[in-house]
Amino acid sequence: MADEPDNLVLQLLREIRATLDEHSEEFKSVGRRLDHIDQRLEEVHETLYTVAGAAVHANVRHDTVAERLKTLEERVSRLEEKA
């Protein structure tokens, strides 16, 4: 009889250890998935900055061309008035 409580405690401790090992593996798996998600978010972040930069560049370029066109139209108008 005296051996039974010890065996029961050892059995419970083994079960607890097995459960902890399972949880540890699950936690590691979740950690890897979170690392992958973090990496993807960083890539999206970089892409958004690139796209935003391209959009700003295109907008500035458009404004520059529009201003240049306005200047040329004014010059043509003045030349037509002189002719």
PDB file of N, CA and C in Angstrom:
ATOM      1  N   MET A   1       0.802  -1.198   0.000  1.00  0.00           N
ATOM      2  CA  MET A   1       0.000   0.000   0.000  1.00  0.00           C
ATOM      3  C   MET A   1       0.847   1.266   0.000  1.00  0.00           C
ATOM      4  N   ALA A   2       1.985   1.207   0.697  1.00  0.00           N
ATOM      5  CA  ALA A   2       2.809   2.404   0.811  1.00  0.00           C
ATOM      6  C   ALA A   2       3.362   2.831  -0.534  1.00  0.00           C
ATOM      7  N   ASP A   3       3.569   1.876  -1.429  1.00  0.00           N
ATOM      8  CA  ASP A   3       4.100   2.213  -2.748  1.00  0.00           C
ATOM      9  C   ASP A   3       3.068   2.898  -3.633  1.00  0.00           C
ATOM     10  N   GLU A   4       1.836   2.654  -3.409  1.00  0.00           N
ATOM     11  CA  GLU A   4       0.796   3.186  -4.278  1.00  0.00           C
ATOM     12  C   GLU A   4       0.735   4.716  -4.291  1.00  0.00           C
ATOM     13  N   PRO A   5       0.752   5.420  -3.161  1.00  0.00           N
ATOM     14  CA  PRO A   5       0.715   6.887  -3.212  1.00  0.00           C
ATOM     15  C   PRO A   5       1.915   7.474  -3.969  1.00  0.00           C
ATOM     16  N   ASP A   6       3.099   6.908  -3.744  1.00  0.00           N
ATOM     17  CA  ASP A   6       4.274   7.392  -4.469  1.00  0.00           C
ATOM     18  C   ASP A   6       4.105   7.178  -5.961  1.00  0.00           C
ATOM     19  N   ASN A   7       3.646   6.001  -6.334  1.00  0.00           N
ATOM     20  CA  ASN A   7       3.448   5.708  -7.751  1.00  0.00           C
ATOM     21  C   ASN A   7       2.393   6.629  -8.357  1.00  0.00           C
ATOM     22  N   LEU A   8       1.353   6.904  -7.583  1.00  0.00           N
ATOM     23  CA  LEU A   8       0.296   7.791  -8.055  1.00  0.00           C
ATOM     24  C   LEU A   8       0.843   9.202  -8.256  1.00  0.00           C
ATOM     25  N   VAL A   9       1.636   9.673  -7.302  1.00  0.00           N
ATOM     26  CA  VAL A   9       2.241  11.001  -7.416  1.00  0.00           C
ATOM     27  C   VAL A   9       3.188  11.049  -8.613  1.00  0.00           C
ATOM     28  N   LEU A  10       4.005  10.022  -8.754  1.00  0.00           N
ATOM     29  CA  LEU A  10       4.921   9.985  -9.895  1.00  0.00           C
ATOM     30  C   LEU A  10       4.165   9.949 -11.215  1.00  0.00           C
ATOM     31  N   GLN A  11       3.090   9.177 -11.235  1.00  0.00           N
ATOM     32  CA  GLN A  11       2.289   9.099 -12.460  1.00  0.00           C
ATOM     33  C   GLN A  11       1.693  10.468 -12.784  1.00  0.00           C
ATOM     34  N   LEU A  12       1.163  11.144 -11.772  1.00  0.00           N
ATOM     35  CA  LEU A  12       0.598  12.481 -11.986  1.00  0.00           C
ATOM     36  C   LEU A  12       1.671  13.475 -12.439  1.00  0.00           C
ATOM     37  N   LEU A  13       2.849  13.393 -11.815  1.00  0.00           N
ATOM     38  CA  LEU A  13       3.942  14.281 -12.213  1.00  0.00           C
ATOM     39  C   LEU A  13       4.367  14.027 -13.660  1.00  0.00           C
ATOM     40  N   ARG A  14       4.396  12.778 -14.078  1.00  0.00           N
ATOM     41  CA  ARG A  14       4.742  12.450 -15.468  1.00  0.00           C
ATOM     42  C   ARG A  14       3.691  13.005 -16.436  1.00  0.00           C
ATOM     43  N   GLU A  15       2.426  12.869 -16.034  1.00  0.00           N
ATOM     44  CA  GLU A  15       1.360  13.402 -16.876  1.00  0.00           C
ATOM     45  C   GLU A  15       1.451  14.927 -16.986  1.00  0.00           C
ATOM     46  N   ILE A  16       1.754  15.559 -15.851  1.00  0.00           N
ATOM     47  CA  ILE A  16       1.914  17.022 -15.860  1.00  0.00           C
ATOM     48  C   ILE A  16       3.086  17.412 -16.754  1.00  0.00           C
ATOM     49  N   ARG A  17       4.202  16.703 -16.641  1.00  0.00           N
ATOM     50  CA  ARG A  17       5.362  16.991 -17.473  1.00  0.00           C
ATOM     51  C   ARG A  17       5.031  16.805 -18.957  1.00  0.00           C
ATOM     52  N   ALA A  18       4.309  15.742 -19.290  1.00  0.00           N
ATOM     53  CA  ALA A  18       3.926  15.498 -20.684  1.00  0.00           C
ATOM     54  C   ALA A  18       3.041  16.624 -21.204  1.00  0.00           C
ATOM     55  N   THR A  19       2.118  17.052 -20.363  1.00  0.00           N
ATOM     56  CA  THR A  19       1.238  18.163 -20.754  1.00  0.00           C
ATOM     57  C   THR A  19       2.039  19.442 -20.950  1.00  0.00           C
ATOM     58  N   LEU A  20       2.979  19.701 -20.056  1.00  0.00           N
ATOM     59  CA  LEU A  20       3.834  20.881 -20.191  1.00  0.00           C
ATOM     60  C   LEU A  20       4.671  20.812 -21.465  1.00  0.00           C
ATOM     61  N   ASP A  21       5.175  19.626 -21.788  1.00  0.00           N
ATOM     62  CA  ASP A  21       5.939  19.464 -23.024  1.00  0.00           C
ATOM     63  C   ASP A  21       5.079  19.754 -24.244  1.00  0.00           C
ATOM     64  N   GLU A  22       3.839  19.272 -24.217  1.00  0.00           N
ATOM     65  CA  GLU A  22       2.923  19.549 -25.329  1.00  0.00           C
ATOM     66  C   GLU A  22       2.676  21.047 -25.458  1.00  0.00           C
ATOM     67  N   HIS A  23       2.428  21.688 -24.342  1.00  0.00           N
ATOM     68  CA  HIS A  23       2.175  23.131 -24.363  1.00  0.00           C
ATOM     69  C   HIS A  23       3.406  23.896 -24.816  1.00  0.00           C
ATOM     70  N   SER A  24       4.563  23.416 -24.408  1.00  0.00           N
ATOM     71  CA  SER A  24       5.805  24.057 -24.817  1.00  0.00           C
ATOM     72  C   SER A  24       5.970  23.986 -26.337  1.00  0.00           C
ATOM     73  N   GLU A  25       5.683  22.842 -26.927  1.00  0.00           N
ATOM     74  CA  GLU A  25       5.774  22.693 -28.390  1.00  0.00           C
ATOM     75  C   GLU A  25       4.744  23.576 -29.089  1.00  0.00           C
ATOM     76  N   GLU A  26       3.532  23.617 -28.525  1.00  0.00           N
ATOM     77  CA  GLU A  26       2.499  24.478 -29.108  1.00  0.00           C
ATOM     78  C   GLU A  26       2.927  25.946 -29.028  1.00  0.00           C
ATOM     79  N   PHE A  27       3.515  26.328 -27.902  1.00  0.00           N
ATOM     80  CA  PHE A  27       3.973  27.698 -27.727  1.00  0.00           C
ATOM     81  C   PHE A  27       5.070  28.037 -28.735  1.00  0.00           C
ATOM     82  N   LYS A  28       5.991  27.114 -28.940  1.00  0.00           N
ATOM     83  CA  LYS A  28       7.049  27.327 -29.923  1.00  0.00           C
ATOM     84  C   LYS A  28       6.462  27.488 -31.323  1.00  0.00           C
ATOM     85  N   SER A  29       5.448  26.675 -31.631  1.00  0.00           N
ATOM     86  CA  SER A  29       4.791  26.757 -32.938  1.00  0.00           C
ATOM     87  C   SER A  29       4.111  28.108 -33.119  1.00  0.00           C
ATOM     88  N   VAL A  30       3.418  28.557 -32.086  1.00  0.00           N
ATOM     89  CA  VAL A  30       2.766  29.866 -32.136  1.00  0.00           C
ATOM     90  C   VAL A  30       3.814  30.963 -32.283  1.00  0.00           C
ATOM     91  N   GLY A  31       4.915  30.832 -31.574  1.00  0.00           N
ATOM     92  CA  GLY A  31       5.996  31.814 -31.682  1.00  0.00           C
ATOM     93  C   GLY A  31       6.549  31.894 -33.094  1.00  0.00           C
ATOM     94  N   ARG A  32       6.731  30.749 -33.750  1.00  0.00           N
ATOM     95  CA  ARG A  32       7.223  30.751 -35.133  1.00  0.00           C
ATOM     96  C   ARG A  32       6.213  31.418 -36.056  1.00  0.00           C
ATOM     97  N   ARG A  33       4.937  31.132 -35.828  1.00  0.00           N
ATOM     98  CA  ARG A  33       3.899  31.746 -36.662  1.00  0.00           C
ATOM     99  C   ARG A  33       3.869  33.255 -36.459  1.00  0.00           C
ATOM    100  N   LEU A  34       4.013  33.694 -35.212  1.00  0.00           N
ATOM    101  CA  LEU A  34       4.036  35.134 -34.944  1.00  0.00           C
ATOM    102  C   LEU A  34       5.254  35.788 -35.579  1.00  0.00           C
ATOM    103  N   ASP A  35       6.394  35.117 -35.543  1.00  0.00           N
ATOM    104  CA  ASP A  35       7.588  35.648 -36.200  1.00  0.00           C
ATOM    105  C   ASP A  35       7.341  35.815 -37.698  1.00  0.00           C
ATOM    106  N   HIS A  36       6.685  34.832 -38.300  1.00  0.00           N
ATOM    107  CA  HIS A  36       6.373  34.904 -39.732  1.00  0.00           C
ATOM    108  C   HIS A  36       5.416  36.067 -40.012  1.00  0.00           C
ATOM    109  N   ILE A  37       4.413  36.236 -39.154  1.00  0.00           N
ATOM    110  CA  ILE A  37       3.465  37.341 -39.321  1.00  0.00           C
ATOM    111  C   ILE A  37       4.184  38.675 -39.175  1.00  0.00           C
ATOM    112  N   ASP A  38       5.069  38.783 -38.195  1.00  0.00           N
ATOM    113  CA  ASP A  38       5.847  40.017 -38.019  1.00  0.00           C
ATOM    114  C   ASP A  38       6.669  40.324 -39.264  1.00  0.00           C
ATOM    115  N   GLN A  39       7.283  39.314 -39.842  1.00  0.00           N
ATOM    116  CA  GLN A  39       8.085  39.500 -41.048  1.00  0.00           C
ATOM    117  C   GLN A  39       7.206  39.995 -42.198  1.00  0.00           C
ATOM    118  N   ARG A  40       6.046  39.381 -42.371  1.00  0.00           N
ATOM    119  CA  ARG A  40       5.132  39.786 -43.447  1.00  0.00           C
ATOM    120  C   ARG A  40       4.646  41.217 -43.238  1.00  0.00           C
ATOM    121  N   LEU A  41       4.342  41.584 -41.983  1.00  0.00           N
ATOM    122  CA  LEU A  41       3.910  42.952 -41.705  1.00  0.00           C
ATOM    123  C   LEU A  41       5.015  43.951 -42.024  1.00  0.00           C
ATOM    124  N   GLU A  42       6.242  43.607 -41.728  1.00  0.00           N
ATOM    125  CA  GLU A  42       7.366  44.483 -42.052  1.00  0.00           C
ATOM    126  C   GLU A  42       7.487  44.654 -43.566  1.00  0.00           C
ATOM    127  N   GLU A  43       7.292  43.554 -44.309  1.00  0.00           N
ATOM    128  CA  GLU A  43       7.342  43.641 -45.769  1.00  0.00           C
ATOM    129  C   GLU A  43       6.224  44.528 -46.309  1.00  0.00           C
ATOM    130  N   VAL A  44       5.032  44.386 -45.743  1.00  0.00           N
ATOM    131  CA  VAL A  44       3.904  45.231 -46.164  1.00  0.00           C
ATOM    132  C   VAL A  44       4.204  46.686 -45.828  1.00  0.00           C
ATOM    133  N   HIS A  45       4.756  46.917 -44.660  1.00  0.00           N
ATOM    134  CA  HIS A  45       5.115  48.266 -44.228  1.00  0.00           C
ATOM    135  C   HIS A  45       6.099  48.900 -45.219  1.00  0.00           C
ATOM    136  N   GLU A  46       7.133  48.166 -45.584  1.00  0.00           N
ATOM    137  CA  GLU A  46       8.115  48.665 -46.538  1.00  0.00           C
ATOM    138  C   GLU A  46       7.475  48.925 -47.905  1.00  0.00           C
ATOM    139  N   THR A  47       6.583  48.035 -48.325  1.00  0.00           N
ATOM    140  CA  THR A  47       5.900  48.208 -49.603  1.00  0.00           C
ATOM    141  C   THR A  47       5.042  49.461 -49.597  1.00  0.00           C
ATOM    142  N   LEU A  48       4.336  49.691 -48.490  1.00  0.00           N
ATOM    143  CA  LEU A  48       3.498  50.882 -48.403  1.00  0.00           C
ATOM    144  C   LEU A  48       4.330  52.153 -48.469  1.00  0.00           C
ATOM    145  N   TYR A  49       5.478  52.159 -47.807  1.00  0.00           N
ATOM    146  CA  TYR A  49       6.353  53.324 -47.893  1.00  0.00           C
ATOM    147  C   TYR A  49       6.849  53.529 -49.321  1.00  0.00           C
ATOM    148  N   THR A  50       7.171  52.444 -50.000  1.00  0.00           N
ATOM    149  CA  THR A  50       7.632  52.542 -51.379  1.00  0.00           C
ATOM    150  C   THR A  50       6.525  53.103 -52.266  1.00  0.00           C
ATOM    151  N   VAL A  51       5.318  52.575 -52.110  1.00  0.00           N
ATOM    152  CA  VAL A  51       4.185  53.037 -52.909  1.00  0.00           C
ATOM    153  C   VAL A  51       3.885  54.501 -52.603  1.00  0.00           C
ATOM    154  N   ALA A  52       3.889  54.856 -51.339  1.00  0.00           N
ATOM    155  CA  ALA A  52       3.621  56.245 -50.963  1.00  0.00           C
ATOM    156  C   ALA A  52       4.685  57.170 -51.544  1.00  0.00           C
ATOM    157  N   GLY A  53       5.924  56.735 -51.504  1.00  0.00           N
ATOM    158  CA  GLY A  53       7.006  57.537 -52.075  1.00  0.00           C
ATOM    159  C   GLY A  53       6.832  57.715 -53.573  1.00  0.00           C
ATOM    160  N   ALA A  54       6.437  56.646 -54.259  1.00  0.00           N
ATOM    161  CA  ALA A  54       6.212  56.737 -55.702  1.00  0.00           C
ATOM    162  C   ALA A  54       5.053  57.669 -56.007  1.00  0.00           C
ATOM    163  N   ALA A  55       4.007  57.593 -55.201  1.00  0.00           N
ATOM    164  CA  ALA A  55       2.855  58.469 -55.406  1.00  0.00           C
ATOM    165  C   ALA A  55       3.225  59.928 -55.199  1.00  0.00           C
ATOM    166  N   VAL A  56       3.995  60.202 -54.164  1.00  0.00           N
ATOM    167  CA  VAL A  56       4.436  61.578 -53.911  1.00  0.00           C
ATOM    168  C   VAL A  56       5.310  62.057 -55.061  1.00  0.00           C
ATOM    169  N   HIS A  57       6.206  61.210 -55.506  1.00  0.00           N
ATOM    170  CA  HIS A  57       7.079  61.577 -56.623  1.00  0.00           C
ATOM    171  C   HIS A  57       6.248  61.883 -57.873  1.00  0.00           C
ATOM    172  N   ALA A  58       5.262  61.041 -58.163  1.00  0.00           N
ATOM    173  CA  ALA A  58       4.409  61.251 -59.336  1.00  0.00           C
ATOM    174  C   ALA A  58       3.624  62.545 -59.194  1.00  0.00           C
ATOM    175  N   ASN A  59       3.161  62.838 -57.995  1.00  0.00           N
ATOM    176  CA  ASN A  59       2.404  64.064 -57.766  1.00  0.00           C
ATOM    177  C   ASN A  59       3.286  65.296 -57.965  1.00  0.00           C
ATOM    178  N   VAL A  60       4.492  65.243 -57.428  1.00  0.00           N
ATOM    179  CA  VAL A  60       5.432  66.360 -57.600  1.00  0.00           C
ATOM    180  C   VAL A  60       5.768  66.524 -59.072  1.00  0.00           C
ATOM    181  N   ARG A  61       6.012  65.419 -59.752  1.00  0.00           N
ATOM    182  CA  ARG A  61       6.321  65.462 -61.183  1.00  0.00           C
ATOM    183  C   ARG A  61       5.155  66.070 -61.957  1.00  0.00           C
ATOM    184  N   HIS A  62       3.937  65.655 -61.616  1.00  0.00           N
ATOM    185  CA  HIS A  62       2.751  66.190 -62.285  1.00  0.00           C
ATOM    186  C   HIS A  62       2.652  67.696 -62.061  1.00  0.00           C
ATOM    187  N   ASP A  63       2.865  68.131 -60.826  1.00  0.00           N
ATOM    188  CA  ASP A  63       2.808  69.568 -60.522  1.00  0.00           C
ATOM    189  C   ASP A  63       3.868  70.331 -61.302  1.00  0.00           C
ATOM    190  N   THR A  64       5.061  69.761 -61.404  1.00  0.00           N
ATOM    191  CA  THR A  64       6.149  70.407 -62.144  1.00  0.00           C
ATOM    192  C   THR A  64       5.796  70.536 -63.624  1.00  0.00           C
ATOM    193  N   VAL A  65       5.287  69.457 -64.195  1.00  0.00           N
ATOM    194  CA  VAL A  65       4.910  69.477 -65.608  1.00  0.00           C
ATOM    195  C   VAL A  65       3.758  70.456 -65.830  1.00  0.00           C
ATOM    196  N   ALA A  66       2.791  70.465 -64.925  1.00  0.00           N
ATOM    197  CA  ALA A  66       1.658  71.383 -65.055  1.00  0.00           C
ATOM    198  C   ALA A  66       2.122  72.830 -64.999  1.00  0.00           C
ATOM    199  N   GLU A  67       3.030  73.120 -64.098  1.00  0.00           N
ATOM    200  CA  GLU A  67       3.568  74.487 -63.992  1.00  0.00           C
ATOM    201  C   GLU A  67       4.346  74.860 -65.250  1.00  0.00           C
ATOM    202  N   ARG A  68       5.140  73.935 -65.736  1.00  0.00           N
ATOM    203  CA  ARG A  68       5.909  74.185 -66.967  1.00  0.00           C
ATOM    204  C   ARG A  68       4.971  74.405 -68.153  1.00  0.00           C
ATOM    205  N   LEU A  69       3.908  73.622 -68.253  1.00  0.00           N
ATOM    206  CA  LEU A  69       2.933  73.776 -69.327  1.00  0.00           C
ATOM    207  C   LEU A  69       2.256  75.138 -69.248  1.00  0.00           C
ATOM    208  N   LYS A  70       1.908  75.557 -68.046  1.00  0.00           N
ATOM    209  CA  LYS A  70       1.284  76.872 -67.855  1.00  0.00           C
ATOM    210  C   LYS A  70       2.222  77.981 -68.324  1.00  0.00           C
ATOM    211  N   THR A  71       3.491  77.869 -67.953  1.00  0.00           N
ATOM    212  CA  THR A  71       4.480  78.861 -68.371  1.00  0.00           C
ATOM    213  C   THR A  71       4.598  78.904 -69.896  1.00  0.00           C
ATOM    214  N   LEU A  72       4.645  77.742 -70.524  1.00  0.00           N
ATOM    215  CA  LEU A  72       4.756  77.692 -71.987  1.00  0.00           C
ATOM    216  C   LEU A  72       3.505  78.253 -72.663  1.00  0.00           C
ATOM    217  N   GLU A  73       2.337  77.967 -72.115  1.00  0.00           N
ATOM    218  CA  GLU A  73       1.101  78.514 -72.677  1.00  0.00           C
ATOM    219  C   GLU A  73       1.096  80.035 -72.593  1.00  0.00           C
ATOM    220  N   GLU A  74       1.567  80.563 -71.466  1.00  0.00           N
ATOM    221  CA  GLU A  74       1.644  82.022 -71.318  1.00  0.00           C
ATOM    222  C   GLU A  74       2.617  82.626 -72.336  1.00  0.00           C
ATOM    223  N   ARG A  75       3.740  81.976 -72.538  1.00  0.00           N
ATOM    224  CA  ARG A  75       4.713  82.473 -73.514  1.00  0.00           C
ATOM    225  C   ARG A  75       4.144  82.451 -74.926  1.00  0.00           C
ATOM    226  N   VAL A  76       3.440  81.361 -75.255  1.00  0.00           N
ATOM    227  CA  VAL A  76       2.838  81.255 -76.592  1.00  0.00           C
ATOM    228  C   VAL A  76       1.787  82.340 -76.772  1.00  0.00           C
ATOM    229  N   SER A  77       0.999  82.556 -75.737  1.00  0.00           N
ATOM    230  CA  SER A  77      -0.037  83.614 -75.804  1.00  0.00           C
ATOM    231  C   SER A  77       0.595  84.976 -76.038  1.00  0.00           C
ATOM    232  N   ARG A  78       1.684  85.281 -75.335  1.00  0.00           N
ATOM    233  CA  ARG A  78       2.368  86.576 -75.525  1.00  0.00           C
ATOM    234  C   ARG A  78       2.952  86.671 -76.930  1.00  0.00           C
ATOM    235  N   LEU A  79       3.507  85.570 -77.421  1.00  0.00           N
ATOM    236  CA  LEU A  79       4.070  85.588 -78.781  1.00  0.00           C
ATOM    237  C   LEU A  79       2.954  85.784 -79.819  1.00  0.00           C
ATOM    238  N   GLU A  80       1.812  85.177 -79.604  1.00  0.00           N
ATOM    239  CA  GLU A  80       0.691  85.322 -80.533  1.00  0.00           C
ATOM    240  C   GLU A  80       0.159  86.768 -80.510  1.00  0.00           C
ATOM    241  N   GLU A  81       0.175  87.392 -79.343  1.00  0.00           N
ATOM    242  CA  GLU A  81      -0.279  88.783 -79.229  1.00  0.00           C
ATOM    243  C   GLU A  81       0.641  89.720 -79.992  1.00  0.00           C
ATOM    244  N   LYS A  82       1.944  89.427 -80.004  1.00  0.00           N
ATOM    245  CA  LYS A  82       2.923  90.265 -80.700  1.00  0.00           C
ATOM    246  C   LYS A  82       2.829  90.088 -82.207  1.00  0.00           C
ATOM    247  N   ALA A  83       2.438  88.915 -82.631  1.00  0.00           N
ATOM    248  CA  ALA A  83       2.445  88.643 -84.079  1.00  0.00           C
ATOM    249  C   ALA A  83       1.283  89.250 -84.794  1.00  0.00           C
TER     250      ALA A  83
END
